[in-house]
């Protein structure tokens, strides 16, 4: 299974809890000592920030939000584990100058303080750390997913929020225009497929018996809806919009088309030998298409890549 496939909402929450617990048990004193050197830049400073120039020295403690910040033309001075950002997807690319600030939920506070950031961008999962982070710099919480949240519109809202904070309104306007044009192009290319009225399963196979399915509240599910195509998976999904299910659960929609996303070669070989997979109606009728790896959580750049990838593999499907 890929790193991205394993990084579920439950795992993110568990990591957040473990990170906070670790700081409480062993690292709080060190974190506070590092932060005290910059205590003058506090939460109060964030309120006064309305009269300041937009921040340029930005630290981002989340990989999907790193994509959003980069897409607005801002290069962070620090990011949690840049190598992992690159491993998960890495588009847009981070330059080598970006400093590693430590683990997602156990940042190195000495490194953070030394970077002298003007803004730290976090997620709601970082809430246990926020008080300590605010001792270093104004801290902005930007949600991308959660219970009752659709990721696709949340990504758009996050992009606007960060653009306003970073003074990148013009860049955001250009980015949204590019995204609208990309979506319109993909919709036009998929007119023939929409005429088939087939719903689509978006899958990331895990092994020869299990798959991660992207639901309506996922980033990919939102793109699918924007393209005018029904999602074949109508069951509940986790806050990130995915569900781990047995292959047999896919038999409910015998008329469905399938698009698999980023299947590792080893898993593809397992599926080829799987009698369960081979027995599914869409496999027997050759209605399976494949696209390359995409981040299940990302920004408008990931959304555009998803729309284009879907158009490429489905525009020739007419039955």
C-alpha atoms as a PDB file:
ATOM      1  CA  UNK A   1       0.000   0.000   0.000  1.00  0.00           C
ATOM      2  CA  UNK A   2       1.258   3.489  -0.779  1.00  0.00           C
ATOM      3  CA  UNK A   3       2.027   6.089   1.852  1.00  0.00           C
ATOM      4  CA  UNK A   4      -0.844   8.205   0.565  1.00  0.00           C
ATOM      5  CA  UNK A   5      -3.318   5.338   0.786  1.00  0.00           C
ATOM      6  CA  UNK A   6      -2.382   4.664   4.393  1.00  0.00           C
ATOM      7  CA  UNK A   7      -2.636   8.284   5.480  1.00  0.00           C
ATOM      8  CA  UNK A   8      -6.343   8.215   6.359  1.00  0.00           C
ATOM      9  CA  UNK A   9      -8.326  10.658   8.472  1.00  0.00           C
ATOM     10  CA  UNK A  10      -8.196   8.270  11.433  1.00  0.00           C
ATOM     11  CA  UNK A  11      -4.422   7.996  11.120  1.00  0.00           C
ATOM     12  CA  UNK A  12      -4.090  11.773  10.930  1.00  0.00           C
ATOM     13  CA  UNK A  13      -6.151  12.144  14.093  1.00  0.00           C
ATOM     14  CA  UNK A  14      -4.110   9.465  15.843  1.00  0.00           C
ATOM     15  CA  UNK A  15      -0.858  11.163  14.851  1.00  0.00           C
ATOM     16  CA  UNK A  16      -2.180  14.499  16.058  1.00  0.00           C
ATOM     17  CA  UNK A  17      -3.085  12.992  19.412  1.00  0.00           C
ATOM     18  CA  UNK A  18       0.239  11.222  19.755  1.00  0.00           C
ATOM     19  CA  UNK A  19       2.126  14.363  18.803  1.00  0.00           C
ATOM     20  CA  UNK A  20       0.301  16.441  21.372  1.00  0.00           C
ATOM     21  CA  UNK A  21       0.769  13.787  24.049  1.00  0.00           C
ATOM     22  CA  UNK A  22       4.468  13.536  23.301  1.00  0.00           C
ATOM     23  CA  UNK A  23       4.882  17.274  23.657  1.00  0.00           C
ATOM     24  CA  UNK A  24       2.924  17.284  26.890  1.00  0.00           C
ATOM     25  CA  UNK A  25       4.915  14.425  28.370  1.00  0.00           C
ATOM     26  CA  UNK A  26       8.409  15.284  27.282  1.00  0.00           C
ATOM     27  CA  UNK A  27       8.782  18.286  25.037  1.00  0.00           C
ATOM     28  CA  UNK A  28       6.667  21.153  26.327  1.00  0.00           C
ATOM     29  CA  UNK A  29       9.424  22.712  28.405  1.00  0.00           C
ATOM     30  CA  UNK A  30      11.824  22.685  25.474  1.00  0.00           C
ATOM     31  CA  UNK A  31       9.147  23.990  23.129  1.00  0.00           C
ATOM     32  CA  UNK A  32       8.298  26.845  25.463  1.00  0.00           C
ATOM     33  CA  UNK A  33      11.930  27.727  25.940  1.00  0.00           C
ATOM     34  CA  UNK A  34      12.404  27.994  22.207  1.00  0.00           C
ATOM     35  CA  UNK A  35       9.174  29.913  21.779  1.00  0.00           C
ATOM     36  CA  UNK A  36       9.969  32.375  24.581  1.00  0.00           C
ATOM     37  CA  UNK A  37      12.659  33.931  22.444  1.00  0.00           C
ATOM     38  CA  UNK A  38       9.900  35.132  20.128  1.00  0.00           C
ATOM     39  CA  UNK A  39       7.106  35.682  22.638  1.00  0.00           C
ATOM     40  CA  UNK A  40       6.642  39.247  21.379  1.00  0.00           C
ATOM     41  CA  UNK A  41       5.111  37.791  18.211  1.00  0.00           C
ATOM     42  CA  UNK A  42       2.034  36.325  19.843  1.00  0.00           C
ATOM     43  CA  UNK A  43      -1.651  35.817  19.201  1.00  0.00           C
ATOM     44  CA  UNK A  44      -2.069  39.511  19.978  1.00  0.00           C
ATOM     45  CA  UNK A  45       0.242  40.246  17.095  1.00  0.00           C
ATOM     46  CA  UNK A  46      -2.103  38.381  14.801  1.00  0.00           C
ATOM     47  CA  UNK A  47      -4.896  40.851  15.623  1.00  0.00           C
ATOM     48  CA  UNK A  48      -2.631  43.782  14.866  1.00  0.00           C
ATOM     49  CA  UNK A  49      -1.612  42.077  11.641  1.00  0.00           C
ATOM     50  CA  UNK A  50      -4.440  43.751   9.759  1.00  0.00           C
ATOM     51  CA  UNK A  51      -2.286  46.882   9.581  1.00  0.00           C
ATOM     52  CA  UNK A  52       0.870  45.062   8.532  1.00  0.00           C
ATOM     53  CA  UNK A  53       2.231  43.997   5.205  1.00  0.00           C
ATOM     54  CA  UNK A  54       1.264  40.473   4.144  1.00  0.00           C
ATOM     55  CA  UNK A  55       3.565  37.867   5.688  1.00  0.00           C
ATOM     56  CA  UNK A  56       6.354  36.559   3.499  1.00  0.00           C
ATOM     57  CA  UNK A  57       8.112  34.218   5.919  1.00  0.00           C
ATOM     58  CA  UNK A  58       5.530  31.454   6.148  1.00  0.00           C
ATOM     59  CA  UNK A  59       5.751  28.019   7.775  1.00  0.00           C
ATOM     60  CA  UNK A  60       3.207  25.350   6.791  1.00  0.00           C
ATOM     61  CA  UNK A  61       2.676  22.297   9.005  1.00  0.00           C
ATOM     62  CA  UNK A  62       0.514  20.363   6.534  1.00  0.00           C
ATOM     63  CA  UNK A  63       1.236  18.902   3.090  1.00  0.00           C
ATOM     64  CA  UNK A  64      -2.063  19.668   1.290  1.00  0.00           C
ATOM     65  CA  UNK A  65      -1.909  23.251   2.574  1.00  0.00           C
ATOM     66  CA  UNK A  66       1.685  23.406   1.350  1.00  0.00           C
ATOM     67  CA  UNK A  67       0.354  22.749  -2.151  1.00  0.00           C
ATOM     68  CA  UNK A  68      -2.190  25.542  -1.750  1.00  0.00           C
ATOM     69  CA  UNK A  69       0.419  28.044  -0.545  1.00  0.00           C
ATOM     70  CA  UNK A  70       2.779  27.138  -3.389  1.00  0.00           C
ATOM     71  CA  UNK A  71      -0.031  27.437  -5.942  1.00  0.00           C
ATOM     72  CA  UNK A  72      -0.482  31.054  -4.815  1.00  0.00           C
ATOM     73  CA  UNK A  73       3.151  31.794  -5.608  1.00  0.00           C
ATOM     74  CA  UNK A  74       4.424  31.792  -2.015  1.00  0.00           C
ATOM     75  CA  UNK A  75       7.381  29.562  -1.113  1.00  0.00           C
ATOM     76  CA  UNK A  76       7.311  28.626   2.586  1.00  0.00           C
ATOM     77  CA  UNK A  77      10.496  29.046   4.600  1.00  0.00           C
ATOM     78  CA  UNK A  78       9.677  25.822   6.446  1.00  0.00           C
ATOM     79  CA  UNK A  79       7.466  22.759   5.982  1.00  0.00           C
ATOM     80  CA  UNK A  80       6.917  19.540   7.917  1.00  0.00           C
ATOM     81  CA  UNK A  81       9.111  16.838   6.387  1.00  0.00           C
ATOM     82  CA  UNK A  82       9.608  18.238   2.841  1.00  0.00           C
ATOM     83  CA  UNK A  83      10.819  14.824   1.664  1.00  0.00           C
ATOM     84  CA  UNK A  84       7.469  13.318   2.600  1.00  0.00           C
ATOM     85  CA  UNK A  85       5.641  16.071   0.715  1.00  0.00           C
ATOM     86  CA  UNK A  86       7.672  15.104  -2.347  1.00  0.00           C
ATOM     87  CA  UNK A  87       7.043  11.410  -1.743  1.00  0.00           C
ATOM     88  CA  UNK A  88       3.284  11.820  -1.405  1.00  0.00           C
ATOM     89  CA  UNK A  89       3.025  13.844  -4.616  1.00  0.00           C
ATOM     90  CA  UNK A  90       5.247  16.922  -4.674  1.00  0.00           C
ATOM     91  CA  UNK A  91       3.291  19.075  -7.143  1.00  0.00           C
ATOM     92  CA  UNK A  92       4.022  21.979  -7.117  1.00  0.00           C
ATOM     93  CA  UNK A  93       7.618  21.200  -6.216  1.00  0.00           C
ATOM     94  CA  UNK A  94       9.302  22.552  -3.103  1.00  0.00           C
ATOM     95  CA  UNK A  95      12.705  24.156  -3.689  1.00  0.00           C
ATOM     96  CA  UNK A  96      15.664  22.691  -1.747  1.00  0.00           C
ATOM     97  CA  UNK A  97      15.903  25.858   0.353  1.00  0.00           C
ATOM     98  CA  UNK A  98      12.746  24.989   2.324  1.00  0.00           C
ATOM     99  CA  UNK A  99      13.663  23.969   5.885  1.00  0.00           C
ATOM    100  CA  UNK A 100      12.419  20.746   7.488  1.00  0.00           C
ATOM    101  CA  UNK A 101      10.468  21.757  10.611  1.00  0.00           C
ATOM    102  CA  UNK A 102      10.019  18.212  11.930  1.00  0.00           C
ATOM    103  CA  UNK A 103       7.068  15.845  12.106  1.00  0.00           C
ATOM    104  CA  UNK A 104       3.548  16.970  11.239  1.00  0.00           C
ATOM    105  CA  UNK A 105       2.338  16.974  14.838  1.00  0.00           C
ATOM    106  CA  UNK A 106       5.691  17.097  16.623  1.00  0.00           C
ATOM    107  CA  UNK A 107       7.418  20.111  15.086  1.00  0.00           C
ATOM    108  CA  UNK A 108      10.875  21.121  16.214  1.00  0.00           C
ATOM    109  CA  UNK A 109      10.152  24.338  18.104  1.00  0.00           C
ATOM    110  CA  UNK A 110      13.789  25.426  18.125  1.00  0.00           C
ATOM    111  CA  UNK A 111      13.878  25.207  14.328  1.00  0.00           C
ATOM    112  CA  UNK A 112      10.569  27.056  14.089  1.00  0.00           C
ATOM    113  CA  UNK A 113      11.780  29.854  16.337  1.00  0.00           C
ATOM    114  CA  UNK A 114      15.068  30.167  14.439  1.00  0.00           C
ATOM    115  CA  UNK A 115      13.178  30.598  11.158  1.00  0.00           C
ATOM    116  CA  UNK A 116      11.478  33.723  12.563  1.00  0.00           C
ATOM    117  CA  UNK A 117       8.249  33.110  10.649  1.00  0.00           C
ATOM    118  CA  UNK A 118       5.675  35.839  10.197  1.00  0.00           C
ATOM    119  CA  UNK A 119       2.877  33.279   9.900  1.00  0.00           C
ATOM    120  CA  UNK A 120       2.394  29.596  10.767  1.00  0.00           C
ATOM    121  CA  UNK A 121      -0.319  27.736   8.857  1.00  0.00           C
ATOM    122  CA  UNK A 122      -1.903  24.735  10.578  1.00  0.00           C
ATOM    123  CA  UNK A 123      -4.988  22.510  10.429  1.00  0.00           C
ATOM    124  CA  UNK A 124      -7.654  21.923  13.103  1.00  0.00           C
ATOM    125  CA  UNK A 125      -5.759  18.722  13.965  1.00  0.00           C
ATOM    126  CA  UNK A 126      -2.943  20.906  15.338  1.00  0.00           C
ATOM    127  CA  UNK A 127      -5.243  22.505  17.943  1.00  0.00           C
ATOM    128  CA  UNK A 128      -3.301  21.040  20.930  1.00  0.00           C
ATOM    129  CA  UNK A 129      -0.165  22.816  19.676  1.00  0.00           C
ATOM    130  CA  UNK A 130      -1.685  26.148  18.765  1.00  0.00           C
ATOM    131  CA  UNK A 131      -0.911  27.922  22.033  1.00  0.00           C
ATOM    132  CA  UNK A 132       2.784  27.079  21.755  1.00  0.00           C
ATOM    133  CA  UNK A 133       2.915  27.977  18.066  1.00  0.00           C
ATOM    134  CA  UNK A 134       1.350  31.375  18.754  1.00  0.00           C
ATOM    135  CA  UNK A 135       4.275  32.175  21.066  1.00  0.00           C
ATOM    136  CA  UNK A 136       6.458  32.058  17.957  1.00  0.00           C
ATOM    137  CA  UNK A 137       4.264  33.693  15.305  1.00  0.00           C
ATOM    138  CA  UNK A 138       0.659  34.481  14.400  1.00  0.00           C
ATOM    139  CA  UNK A 139      -0.976  31.152  13.609  1.00  0.00           C
ATOM    140  CA  UNK A 140      -3.720  30.538  11.053  1.00  0.00           C
ATOM    141  CA  UNK A 141      -5.936  27.441  11.146  1.00  0.00           C
ATOM    142  CA  UNK A 142      -7.206  26.345   7.729  1.00  0.00           C
ATOM    143  CA  UNK A 143      -9.550  23.327   7.511  1.00  0.00           C
ATOM    144  CA  UNK A 144      -9.700  21.121   4.417  1.00  0.00           C
ATOM    145  CA  UNK A 145     -11.861  18.298   5.704  1.00  0.00           C
ATOM    146  CA  UNK A 146     -13.929  17.170   8.656  1.00  0.00           C
ATOM    147  CA  UNK A 147     -17.282  15.672   9.621  1.00  0.00           C
ATOM    148  CA  UNK A 148     -19.991  17.077   7.354  1.00  0.00           C
ATOM    149  CA  UNK A 149     -17.450  18.895   5.161  1.00  0.00           C
ATOM    150  CA  UNK A 150     -17.130  18.381   1.401  1.00  0.00           C
ATOM    151  CA  UNK A 151     -13.440  18.568   0.539  1.00  0.00           C
ATOM    152  CA  UNK A 152     -13.829  20.118  -2.939  1.00  0.00           C
ATOM    153  CA  UNK A 153     -15.546  23.369  -1.827  1.00  0.00           C
ATOM    154  CA  UNK A 154     -13.416  23.396   1.338  1.00  0.00           C
ATOM    155  CA  UNK A 155     -10.311  23.491  -0.866  1.00  0.00           C
ATOM    156  CA  UNK A 156     -11.696  26.507  -2.696  1.00  0.00           C
ATOM    157  CA  UNK A 157     -12.503  28.257   0.580  1.00  0.00           C
ATOM    158  CA  UNK A 158      -9.029  27.468   1.949  1.00  0.00           C
ATOM    159  CA  UNK A 159      -7.418  28.902  -1.174  1.00  0.00           C
ATOM    160  CA  UNK A 160      -9.357  32.147  -0.807  1.00  0.00           C
ATOM    161  CA  UNK A 161      -8.588  32.362   2.916  1.00  0.00           C
ATOM    162  CA  UNK A 162      -4.867  31.891   2.369  1.00  0.00           C
ATOM    163  CA  UNK A 163      -4.851  34.289  -0.569  1.00  0.00           C
ATOM    164  CA  UNK A 164      -6.463  36.987   1.591  1.00  0.00           C
ATOM    165  CA  UNK A 165      -4.001  36.392   4.437  1.00  0.00           C
ATOM    166  CA  UNK A 166      -0.948  36.310   2.179  1.00  0.00           C
ATOM    167  CA  UNK A 167      -1.972  39.261   0.017  1.00  0.00           C
ATOM    168  CA  UNK A 168      -2.166  37.048  -3.066  1.00  0.00           C
ATOM    169  CA  UNK A 169      -5.578  38.095  -4.378  1.00  0.00           C
ATOM    170  CA  UNK A 170      -4.427  38.518  -7.977  1.00  0.00           C
ATOM    171  CA  UNK A 171      -2.659  35.156  -7.934  1.00  0.00           C
ATOM    172  CA  UNK A 172      -5.798  33.503  -6.552  1.00  0.00           C
ATOM    173  CA  UNK A 173      -7.948  35.116  -9.221  1.00  0.00           C
ATOM    174  CA  UNK A 174      -5.645  33.788 -11.933  1.00  0.00           C
ATOM    175  CA  UNK A 175      -5.566  30.345 -10.309  1.00  0.00           C
ATOM    176  CA  UNK A 176      -9.370  30.126 -10.109  1.00  0.00           C
ATOM    177  CA  UNK A 177      -9.665  31.266 -13.724  1.00  0.00           C
ATOM    178  CA  UNK A 178      -7.227  28.542 -14.746  1.00  0.00           C
ATOM    179  CA  UNK A 179      -9.176  25.967 -12.725  1.00  0.00           C
ATOM    180  CA  UNK A 180     -12.487  27.047 -14.286  1.00  0.00           C
ATOM    181  CA  UNK A 181     -11.013  26.789 -17.786  1.00  0.00           C
ATOM    182  CA  UNK A 182      -9.523  23.381 -17.023  1.00  0.00           C
ATOM    183  CA  UNK A 183     -12.844  22.100 -15.705  1.00  0.00           C
ATOM    184  CA  UNK A 184     -14.769  23.468 -18.685  1.00  0.00           C
ATOM    185  CA  UNK A 185     -12.335  21.779 -21.069  1.00  0.00           C
ATOM    186  CA  UNK A 186     -12.654  18.447 -19.257  1.00  0.00           C
ATOM    187  CA  UNK A 187     -16.462  18.690 -19.222  1.00  0.00           C
ATOM    188  CA  UNK A 188     -16.528  19.296 -22.966  1.00  0.00           C
ATOM    189  CA  UNK A 189     -14.264  16.312 -23.623  1.00  0.00           C
ATOM    190  CA  UNK A 190     -16.497  14.091 -21.485  1.00  0.00           C
ATOM    191  CA  UNK A 191     -19.801  14.865 -23.233  1.00  0.00           C
ATOM    192  CA  UNK A 192     -19.715  11.486 -24.988  1.00  0.00           C
ATOM    193  CA  UNK A 193     -19.096   9.605 -21.765  1.00  0.00           C
ATOM    194  CA  UNK A 194     -21.874  11.458 -19.924  1.00  0.00           C
ATOM    195  CA  UNK A 195     -24.251  10.261 -22.635  1.00  0.00           C
ATOM    196  CA  UNK A 196     -23.662   6.677 -21.443  1.00  0.00           C
ATOM    197  CA  UNK A 197     -25.146   7.698 -18.063  1.00  0.00           C
ATOM    198  CA  UNK A 198     -22.755   5.327 -16.328  1.00  0.00           C
ATOM    199  CA  UNK A 199     -21.746   6.141 -12.759  1.00  0.00           C
ATOM    200  CA  UNK A 200     -18.054   5.946 -11.916  1.00  0.00           C
ATOM    201  CA  UNK A 201     -16.237   4.253  -9.059  1.00  0.00           C
ATOM    202  CA  UNK A 202     -13.010   6.058  -8.137  1.00  0.00           C
ATOM    203  CA  UNK A 203     -10.757   3.504  -6.463  1.00  0.00           C
ATOM    204  CA  UNK A 204      -7.322   3.081  -4.977  1.00  0.00           C
ATOM    205  CA  UNK A 205      -6.762  -0.691  -4.622  1.00  0.00           C
ATOM    206  CA  UNK A 206      -5.046  -1.735  -1.394  1.00  0.00           C
ATOM    207  CA  UNK A 207      -4.522  -5.454  -2.036  1.00  0.00           C
ATOM    208  CA  UNK A 208      -6.286  -8.336  -3.795  1.00  0.00           C
ATOM    209  CA  UNK A 209      -9.326  -8.071  -1.491  1.00  0.00           C
ATOM    210  CA  UNK A 210      -9.625  -4.459  -0.358  1.00  0.00           C
ATOM    211  CA  UNK A 211      -9.938  -1.046  -1.940  1.00  0.00           C
ATOM    212  CA  UNK A 212     -10.137   2.573  -0.866  1.00  0.00           C
ATOM    213  CA  UNK A 213     -13.212   4.129  -2.486  1.00  0.00           C
ATOM    214  CA  UNK A 214     -13.548   7.895  -2.938  1.00  0.00           C
ATOM    215  CA  UNK A 215     -16.980   9.136  -1.915  1.00  0.00           C
ATOM    216  CA  UNK A 216     -18.986  12.190  -2.817  1.00  0.00           C
ATOM    217  CA  UNK A 217     -17.382  14.320  -0.078  1.00  0.00           C
ATOM    218  CA  UNK A 218     -13.823  13.602  -1.289  1.00  0.00           C
ATOM    219  CA  UNK A 219     -11.728  15.912  -3.445  1.00  0.00           C
ATOM    220  CA  UNK A 220     -11.979  13.478  -6.364  1.00  0.00           C
ATOM    221  CA  UNK A 221     -15.708  13.001  -5.761  1.00  0.00           C
ATOM    222  CA  UNK A 222     -16.185  16.764  -5.935  1.00  0.00           C
ATOM    223  CA  UNK A 223     -14.317  16.930  -9.235  1.00  0.00           C
ATOM    224  CA  UNK A 224     -16.430  14.062 -10.596  1.00  0.00           C
ATOM    225  CA  UNK A 225     -19.612  15.922  -9.631  1.00  0.00           C
ATOM    226  CA  UNK A 226     -18.332  19.128 -11.241  1.00  0.00           C
ATOM    227  CA  UNK A 227     -17.782  17.143 -14.447  1.00  0.00           C
ATOM    228  CA  UNK A 228     -21.440  16.105 -14.423  1.00  0.00           C
ATOM    229  CA  UNK A 229     -20.763  12.423 -13.665  1.00  0.00           C
ATOM    230  CA  UNK A 230     -22.456  10.414 -10.916  1.00  0.00           C
ATOM    231  CA  UNK A 231     -20.335   8.761  -8.248  1.00  0.00           C
ATOM    232  CA  UNK A 232     -21.166   5.047  -8.091  1.00  0.00           C
ATOM    233  CA  UNK A 233     -20.226   4.944  -4.393  1.00  0.00           C
ATOM    234  CA  UNK A 234     -23.207   6.248  -2.437  1.00  0.00           C
ATOM    235  CA  UNK A 235     -22.247   4.877   0.976  1.00  0.00           C
ATOM    236  CA  UNK A 236     -20.783   6.838   3.871  1.00  0.00           C
ATOM    237  CA  UNK A 237     -17.143   7.913   3.794  1.00  0.00           C
ATOM    238  CA  UNK A 238     -14.662   9.170   6.373  1.00  0.00           C
ATOM    239  CA  UNK A 239     -13.951  12.914   6.840  1.00  0.00           C
ATOM    240  CA  UNK A 240     -11.386  12.832   4.021  1.00  0.00           C
ATOM    241  CA  UNK A 241     -13.991  11.274   1.728  1.00  0.00           C
ATOM    242  CA  UNK A 242     -12.624   7.735   1.513  1.00  0.00           C
ATOM    243  CA  UNK A 243     -13.843   4.336   2.636  1.00  0.00           C
ATOM    244  CA  UNK A 244     -11.927   1.083   2.893  1.00  0.00           C
ATOM    245  CA  UNK A 245     -14.153  -1.728   1.617  1.00  0.00           C
ATOM    246  CA  UNK A 246     -14.071  -5.307   0.408  1.00  0.00           C
ATOM    247  CA  UNK A 247     -14.083  -5.839  -3.341  1.00  0.00           C
ATOM    248  CA  UNK A 248     -17.500  -7.444  -3.037  1.00  0.00           C
ATOM    249  CA  UNK A 249     -19.024  -4.084  -2.070  1.00  0.00           C
ATOM    250  CA  UNK A 250     -18.435  -2.885  -5.636  1.00  0.00           C
ATOM    251  CA  UNK A 251     -20.821  -5.454  -7.104  1.00  0.00           C
ATOM    252  CA  UNK A 252     -23.807  -3.300  -6.087  1.00  0.00           C
ATOM    253  CA  UNK A 253     -23.466  -1.184  -9.244  1.00  0.00           C
ATOM    254  CA  UNK A 254     -23.094  -3.667 -12.079  1.00  0.00           C
ATOM    255  CA  UNK A 255     -23.386  -0.843 -14.637  1.00  0.00           C
ATOM    256  CA  UNK A 256     -20.509   1.200 -13.215  1.00  0.00           C
ATOM    257  CA  UNK A 257     -17.335   2.340 -14.927  1.00  0.00           C
ATOM    258  CA  UNK A 258     -14.187   2.146 -12.802  1.00  0.00           C
ATOM    259  CA  UNK A 259     -11.199   4.472 -12.669  1.00  0.00           C
ATOM    260  CA  UNK A 260      -8.327   3.324 -10.474  1.00  0.00           C
ATOM    261  CA  UNK A 261      -5.938   5.946  -9.140  1.00  0.00           C
ATOM    262  CA  UNK A 262      -2.228   5.383  -8.565  1.00  0.00           C
ATOM    263  CA  UNK A 263      -2.135   1.592  -8.342  1.00  0.00           C
ATOM    264  CA  UNK A 264       1.350   0.354  -7.312  1.00  0.00           C
ATOM    265  CA  UNK A 265       2.754  -2.363  -9.632  1.00  0.00           C
ATOM    266  CA  UNK A 266       2.709  -4.955  -6.857  1.00  0.00           C
ATOM    267  CA  UNK A 267      -0.973  -4.357  -6.127  1.00  0.00           C
ATOM    268  CA  UNK A 268      -1.806  -4.410  -9.842  1.00  0.00           C
ATOM    269  CA  UNK A 269      -0.215  -7.855 -10.052  1.00  0.00           C
ATOM    270  CA  UNK A 270      -2.257  -9.011  -7.043  1.00  0.00           C
ATOM    271  CA  UNK A 271      -5.482  -7.821  -8.670  1.00  0.00           C
ATOM    272  CA  UNK A 272      -4.646  -9.571 -11.918  1.00  0.00           C
ATOM    273  CA  UNK A 273      -4.503 -12.858  -9.984  1.00  0.00           C
ATOM    274  CA  UNK A 274      -7.569 -12.162  -7.833  1.00  0.00           C
ATOM    275  CA  UNK A 275     -10.677 -14.231  -8.654  1.00  0.00           C
ATOM    276  CA  UNK A 276     -12.776 -11.714  -6.687  1.00  0.00           C
ATOM    277  CA  UNK A 277     -11.589  -8.833  -8.849  1.00  0.00           C
ATOM    278  CA  UNK A 278     -11.934 -10.810 -12.084  1.00  0.00           C
ATOM    279  CA  UNK A 279     -15.538 -11.721 -11.228  1.00  0.00           C
ATOM    280  CA  UNK A 280     -16.732  -8.120 -10.892  1.00  0.00           C
ATOM    281  CA  UNK A 281     -19.022  -7.006 -13.771  1.00  0.00           C
ATOM    282  CA  UNK A 282     -16.944  -3.991 -14.790  1.00  0.00           C
ATOM    283  CA  UNK A 283     -13.793  -6.120 -14.968  1.00  0.00           C
ATOM    284  CA  UNK A 284     -15.470  -8.845 -17.038  1.00  0.00           C
ATOM    285  CA  UNK A 285     -16.859  -6.201 -19.416  1.00  0.00           C
ATOM    286  CA  UNK A 286     -13.541  -4.313 -19.680  1.00  0.00           C
ATOM    287  CA  UNK A 287     -14.835  -1.112 -18.083  1.00  0.00           C
ATOM    288  CA  UNK A 288     -11.746  -0.314 -16.005  1.00  0.00           C
ATOM    289  CA  UNK A 289      -9.483   2.656 -16.718  1.00  0.00           C
ATOM    290  CA  UNK A 290      -6.328   3.685 -14.875  1.00  0.00           C
ATOM    291  CA  UNK A 291      -4.789   7.054 -14.033  1.00  0.00           C
ATOM    292  CA  UNK A 292      -1.545   7.876 -12.255  1.00  0.00           C
ATOM    293  CA  UNK A 293      -1.039   8.871  -8.613  1.00  0.00           C
ATOM    294  CA  UNK A 294      -2.855  11.960  -7.357  1.00  0.00           C
ATOM    295  CA  UNK A 295      -3.071  13.383  -3.826  1.00  0.00           C
ATOM    296  CA  UNK A 296      -6.376  12.491  -2.182  1.00  0.00           C
ATOM    297  CA  UNK A 297      -6.088  15.789  -0.314  1.00  0.00           C
ATOM    298  CA  UNK A 298      -4.762  18.712  -2.288  1.00  0.00           C
ATOM    299  CA  UNK A 299      -5.632  22.091  -3.708  1.00  0.00           C
ATOM    300  CA  UNK A 300      -6.836  23.493  -7.004  1.00  0.00           C
ATOM    301  CA  UNK A 301      -3.732  22.145  -8.733  1.00  0.00           C
ATOM    302  CA  UNK A 302      -4.654  18.607  -7.690  1.00  0.00           C
ATOM    303  CA  UNK A 303      -8.262  19.252  -8.751  1.00  0.00           C
ATOM    304  CA  UNK A 304      -7.184  20.331 -12.232  1.00  0.00           C
ATOM    305  CA  UNK A 305      -4.907  17.337 -12.595  1.00  0.00           C
ATOM    306  CA  UNK A 306      -7.750  15.040 -11.551  1.00  0.00           C
ATOM    307  CA  UNK A 307     -10.185  16.560 -14.067  1.00  0.00           C
ATOM    308  CA  UNK A 308      -7.679  16.305 -16.908  1.00  0.00           C
ATOM    309  CA  UNK A 309      -6.734  12.733 -16.004  1.00  0.00           C
ATOM    310  CA  UNK A 310     -10.381  11.646 -15.925  1.00  0.00           C
ATOM    311  CA  UNK A 311     -11.027  13.291 -19.275  1.00  0.00           C
ATOM    312  CA  UNK A 312      -8.054  11.536 -20.855  1.00  0.00           C
ATOM    313  CA  UNK A 313      -9.188   8.039 -19.871  1.00  0.00           C
ATOM    314  CA  UNK A 314     -12.964   8.455 -20.255  1.00  0.00           C
ATOM    315  CA  UNK A 315     -13.383  10.677 -23.313  1.00  0.00           C
ATOM    316  CA  UNK A 316     -13.109   7.663 -25.624  1.00  0.00           C
ATOM    317  CA  UNK A 317     -15.664   5.590 -23.681  1.00  0.00           C
ATOM    318  CA  UNK A 318     -19.019   5.646 -25.463  1.00  0.00           C
ATOM    319  CA  UNK A 319     -20.802   2.517 -24.207  1.00  0.00           C
END
